[in-house]
Amino acid sequence: MSADKGRTSSPAPEGEDFSCENWEKRRFSGVTFRGCDFSGAILDRCEFENCSFRTCRFGGTIFLRCSLTNCTFPYATLFAVTFDECRMVGSSLSEASVSAMTPKGGNWSYTLLTGLDLSRTVWENANLEGADLCDCKLTGCVFSRCVLTGARLANADLSKADLRGSRVDGVDFLHLKMKDTKIDLEQAVLLAESMGARYCGEGNHGD
């Protein structure tokens, strides 16, 4: 794999060991990484566009201010991976094995996270607008100051999750599981409206 920092569209690297390497400002477009090991690597301000990380291993990998646009991770293993202020727009982790992930802010809009077990993940200042979280296990998750506008959450389990302070307009509350879920007043109004109720303030004036 070339070490230059320009845009790379080389043939698919297969089985290469990138573990514990430090990459800075590298750019890749349309590259398929197959069976590569990124364990312990630090990827700093790297750009990946339309790339695939098929059966790759990410153990303790740190993505720092990276851009991963329309990337896929089929059959990859992501354990204790940190995404720190990354741009993940249009990417898909739904075919990967993901556990103990740490997202720190970033833009996750229209990202596919379908069916993942993300229990107890703490999301803070993250943009999840239009993200696909259908069938996800989100028990005990914290969404602090996040944007969940239009996020797809059908059949997701939000039991004991904390949504307070996040934007949830456009979320279909009727087709997800909420038990002991913490919400604020604004979210409660949206939830009631989705069930056909209408907040009218204090008193009963017949309107």
Protein backbone atom coordinates (compact mmCIF):
# COMPACT_ATOMS: atom_id res chain seq x y z
CA MET A 1 0.00 0.00 0.00
CA SER A 2 1.38 3.32 -1.02
CA ALA A 3 2.26 5.62 1.86
CA ASP A 4 1.63 8.85 0.00
CA LYS A 5 -1.03 11.19 1.29
CA GLY A 6 -2.74 11.80 -2.03
CA ARG A 7 -5.93 10.08 -3.12
CA THR A 8 -5.33 6.34 -3.54
CA SER A 9 -7.36 4.03 -5.77
CA SER A 10 -4.99 1.06 -5.75
CA PRO A 11 -5.99 -2.61 -6.18
CA ALA A 12 -7.61 -4.20 -3.15
CA PRO A 13 -5.14 -4.68 -0.30
CA GLU A 14 -5.69 -8.22 1.01
CA GLY A 15 -4.60 -9.61 4.37
CA GLU A 16 -2.25 -6.72 5.11
CA ASP A 17 -1.23 -5.94 8.68
CA PHE A 18 -1.78 -2.28 9.52
CA SER A 19 -2.02 -2.92 13.26
CA CYS A 20 -0.67 -0.19 15.54
CA GLU A 21 0.19 2.02 12.56
CA ASN A 22 -0.40 5.77 12.62
CA TRP A 23 -1.96 7.17 9.47
CA GLU A 24 -2.35 10.90 8.99
CA LYS A 25 -4.32 12.69 6.27
CA ARG A 26 -4.36 9.73 3.89
CA ARG A 27 -7.07 9.65 1.23
CA PHE A 28 -8.67 6.60 -0.41
CA SER A 29 -11.40 6.36 -3.01
CA GLY A 30 -13.11 3.16 -4.14
CA VAL A 31 -10.59 0.90 -2.37
CA THR A 32 -11.60 -2.52 -1.02
CA PHE A 33 -9.59 -3.57 2.03
CA ARG A 34 -10.04 -7.32 2.44
CA GLY A 35 -9.05 -9.24 5.58
CA CYS A 36 -6.73 -6.48 6.78
CA ASP A 37 -5.84 -5.93 10.44
CA PHE A 38 -6.22 -2.37 11.75
CA SER A 39 -6.07 -3.34 15.45
CA GLY A 40 -4.59 -0.61 17.61
CA ALA A 41 -4.13 1.70 14.63
CA ILE A 42 -4.69 5.47 14.87
CA LEU A 43 -6.20 6.99 11.74
CA ASP A 44 -6.00 10.77 11.98
CA ARG A 45 -7.94 12.99 9.56
CA CYS A 46 -7.98 10.29 6.89
CA GLU A 47 -10.57 10.30 4.11
CA PHE A 48 -12.28 7.17 2.81
CA GLU A 49 -14.82 7.52 0.03
CA ASN A 50 -16.84 4.56 -1.32
CA CYS A 51 -14.42 2.16 0.36
CA SER A 52 -15.13 -1.33 1.68
CA PHE A 53 -13.50 -2.97 4.70
CA ARG A 54 -14.51 -6.60 4.05
CA THR A 55 -13.66 -9.04 6.88
CA CYS A 56 -11.22 -6.52 8.35
CA ARG A 57 -10.36 -6.44 12.05
CA PHE A 58 -10.58 -3.26 14.11
CA GLY A 59 -9.65 -3.85 17.74
CA GLY A 60 -9.12 -0.68 19.75
CA THR A 61 -8.75 1.28 16.52
CA ILE A 62 -9.11 5.07 16.79
CA PHE A 63 -10.64 7.05 13.94
CA LEU A 64 -9.81 10.68 14.73
CA ARG A 65 -11.64 13.36 12.72
CA CYS A 66 -11.83 10.98 9.76
CA SER A 67 -14.30 11.13 6.88
CA LEU A 68 -15.86 7.80 5.90
CA THR A 69 -18.39 8.57 3.19
CA ASN A 70 -20.53 5.76 1.75
CA CYS A 71 -18.19 3.13 3.17
CA THR A 72 -19.16 -0.43 4.12
CA PHE A 73 -17.82 -2.94 6.65
CA PRO A 74 -19.15 -6.34 5.49
CA TYR A 75 -18.29 -9.11 7.99
CA ALA A 76 -15.73 -6.86 9.67
CA THR A 77 -15.08 -7.01 13.42
CA LEU A 78 -15.15 -3.72 15.31
CA PHE A 79 -14.31 -4.12 19.00
CA ALA A 80 -13.73 -1.13 21.29
CA VAL A 81 -13.39 1.16 18.28
CA THR A 82 -13.48 4.93 18.81
CA PHE A 83 -14.96 7.27 16.23
CA ASP A 84 -13.92 10.73 17.42
CA GLU A 85 -15.64 13.60 15.55
CA CYS A 86 -15.86 11.56 12.36
CA ARG A 87 -18.02 12.09 9.30
CA MET A 88 -19.83 8.79 8.66
CA VAL A 89 -22.47 10.01 6.20
CA GLY A 90 -24.07 7.23 4.16
CA SER A 91 -21.79 4.50 5.53
CA SER A 92 -23.00 1.11 6.76
CA LEU A 93 -21.94 -0.88 9.81
CA SER A 94 -24.99 -3.14 9.65
CA GLU A 95 -23.09 -6.15 8.30
CA ALA A 96 -20.28 -5.85 10.84
CA SER A 97 -19.83 -7.30 14.30
CA VAL A 98 -19.79 -4.24 16.55
CA SER A 99 -19.23 -4.17 20.30
CA ALA A 100 -18.04 -1.63 22.88
CA MET A 101 -18.03 1.16 20.31
CA THR A 102 -17.28 4.71 21.48
CA PRO A 103 -18.73 7.46 19.28
CA LYS A 104 -17.62 10.97 20.18
CA GLY A 105 -19.80 13.49 18.37
CA GLY A 106 -19.53 13.48 14.62
CA ASN A 107 -21.93 13.31 11.71
CA TRP A 108 -23.71 9.94 11.49
CA SER A 109 -26.56 11.14 9.30
CA TYR A 110 -28.06 8.51 6.99
CA THR A 111 -25.70 5.88 8.37
CA LEU A 112 -26.94 2.27 8.41
CA LEU A 113 -26.65 0.74 11.87
CA THR A 114 -29.53 -1.68 11.33
CA GLY A 115 -29.85 -4.57 13.78
CA LEU A 116 -26.73 -3.80 15.83
CA ASP A 117 -26.47 -4.33 19.58
CA LEU A 118 -25.41 -0.87 20.76
CA SER A 119 -26.55 -1.27 24.36
CA ARG A 120 -25.19 1.27 26.84
CA THR A 121 -23.47 3.28 24.11
CA VAL A 122 -23.12 6.96 25.03
CA TRP A 123 -23.88 9.31 22.14
CA GLU A 124 -23.11 12.98 22.79
CA ASN A 125 -23.44 15.88 20.32
CA ALA A 126 -23.85 13.41 17.46
CA ASN A 127 -25.87 14.08 14.33
CA LEU A 128 -27.96 10.95 13.63
CA GLU A 129 -30.44 12.60 11.30
CA GLY A 130 -32.05 10.02 9.03
CA ALA A 131 -29.87 7.23 10.43
CA ASP A 132 -31.23 3.68 10.18
CA LEU A 133 -31.41 2.22 13.70
CA CYS A 134 -34.18 -0.27 12.93
CA ASP A 135 -34.08 -3.46 15.02
CA CYS A 136 -31.19 -2.09 17.08
CA LYS A 137 -30.75 -2.95 20.73
CA LEU A 138 -30.35 0.47 22.34
CA THR A 139 -31.05 -0.48 25.95
CA GLY A 140 -29.39 1.82 28.43
CA CYS A 141 -28.07 4.11 25.69
CA VAL A 142 -27.58 7.81 26.40
CA PHE A 143 -28.36 10.31 23.65
CA SER A 144 -27.19 13.68 24.96
CA ARG A 145 -27.71 16.76 22.77
CA CYS A 146 -28.00 14.57 19.69
CA VAL A 147 -30.02 15.11 16.51
CA LEU A 148 -32.29 12.14 15.81
CA THR A 149 -34.56 14.00 13.40
CA GLY A 150 -36.14 11.53 11.01
CA ALA A 151 -34.09 8.63 12.35
CA ARG A 152 -35.58 5.21 11.59
CA LEU A 153 -36.15 3.27 14.80
CA ALA A 154 -38.72 0.62 13.86
CA ASN A 155 -38.54 -2.33 16.29
CA ALA A 156 -35.63 -0.76 18.15
CA ASP A 157 -35.41 -1.40 21.90
CA LEU A 158 -34.94 1.86 23.81
CA SER A 159 -35.62 0.42 27.25
CA LYS A 160 -33.87 2.40 30.00
CA ALA A 161 -32.34 4.71 27.39
CA ASP A 162 -32.01 8.45 28.04
CA LEU A 163 -33.17 10.74 25.22
CA ARG A 164 -33.37 13.96 27.20
CA GLY A 165 -32.01 17.02 25.45
CA SER A 166 -31.98 15.46 21.99
CA ARG A 167 -34.09 16.31 18.94
CA VAL A 168 -36.48 13.50 18.08
CA ASP A 169 -38.91 15.19 15.67
CA GLY A 170 -39.98 12.90 12.87
CA VAL A 171 -39.31 9.73 14.88
CA ASP A 172 -42.04 7.06 14.68
CA PHE A 173 -42.60 6.25 18.36
CA LEU A 174 -45.39 3.76 17.65
CA HIS A 175 -43.13 1.03 16.37
CA LEU A 176 -40.33 0.94 18.93
CA LYS A 177 -40.00 -0.38 22.46
CA MET A 178 -39.82 2.12 25.32
CA LYS A 179 -39.74 0.93 28.93
CA ASP A 180 -38.33 3.14 31.68
CA THR A 181 -37.04 5.40 28.89
CA LYS A 182 -36.14 8.90 30.05
CA ILE A 183 -37.58 11.74 27.97
CA ASP A 184 -38.05 15.48 28.51
CA LEU A 185 -41.24 17.55 28.25
CA GLU A 186 -40.79 18.46 24.58
CA GLN A 187 -40.23 14.83 23.69
CA ALA A 188 -43.26 13.82 25.76
CA VAL A 189 -45.41 16.20 23.69
CA LEU A 190 -44.10 14.70 20.45
CA LEU A 191 -44.75 11.21 21.78
CA ALA A 192 -48.30 12.13 22.77
CA GLU A 193 -48.94 13.73 19.38
CA SER A 194 -47.71 10.59 17.61
CA MET A 195 -50.38 8.68 19.52
CA GLY A 196 -53.11 11.10 18.47
CA ALA A 197 -53.17 13.35 21.53
CA ARG A 198 -52.87 17.14 21.44
CA TYR A 199 -51.25 19.32 24.09
CA CYS A 200 -53.53 22.27 24.93
CA GLY A 201 -51.90 23.77 27.98
CA GLU A 202 -53.58 24.35 31.32
CA GLY A 203 -57.35 24.26 31.76
CA ASN A 204 -60.20 22.99 29.64
CA HIS A 205 -61.60 25.57 27.26
CA GLY A 206 -63.35 23.16 24.95
CA ASP A 207 -61.00 23.69 21.97
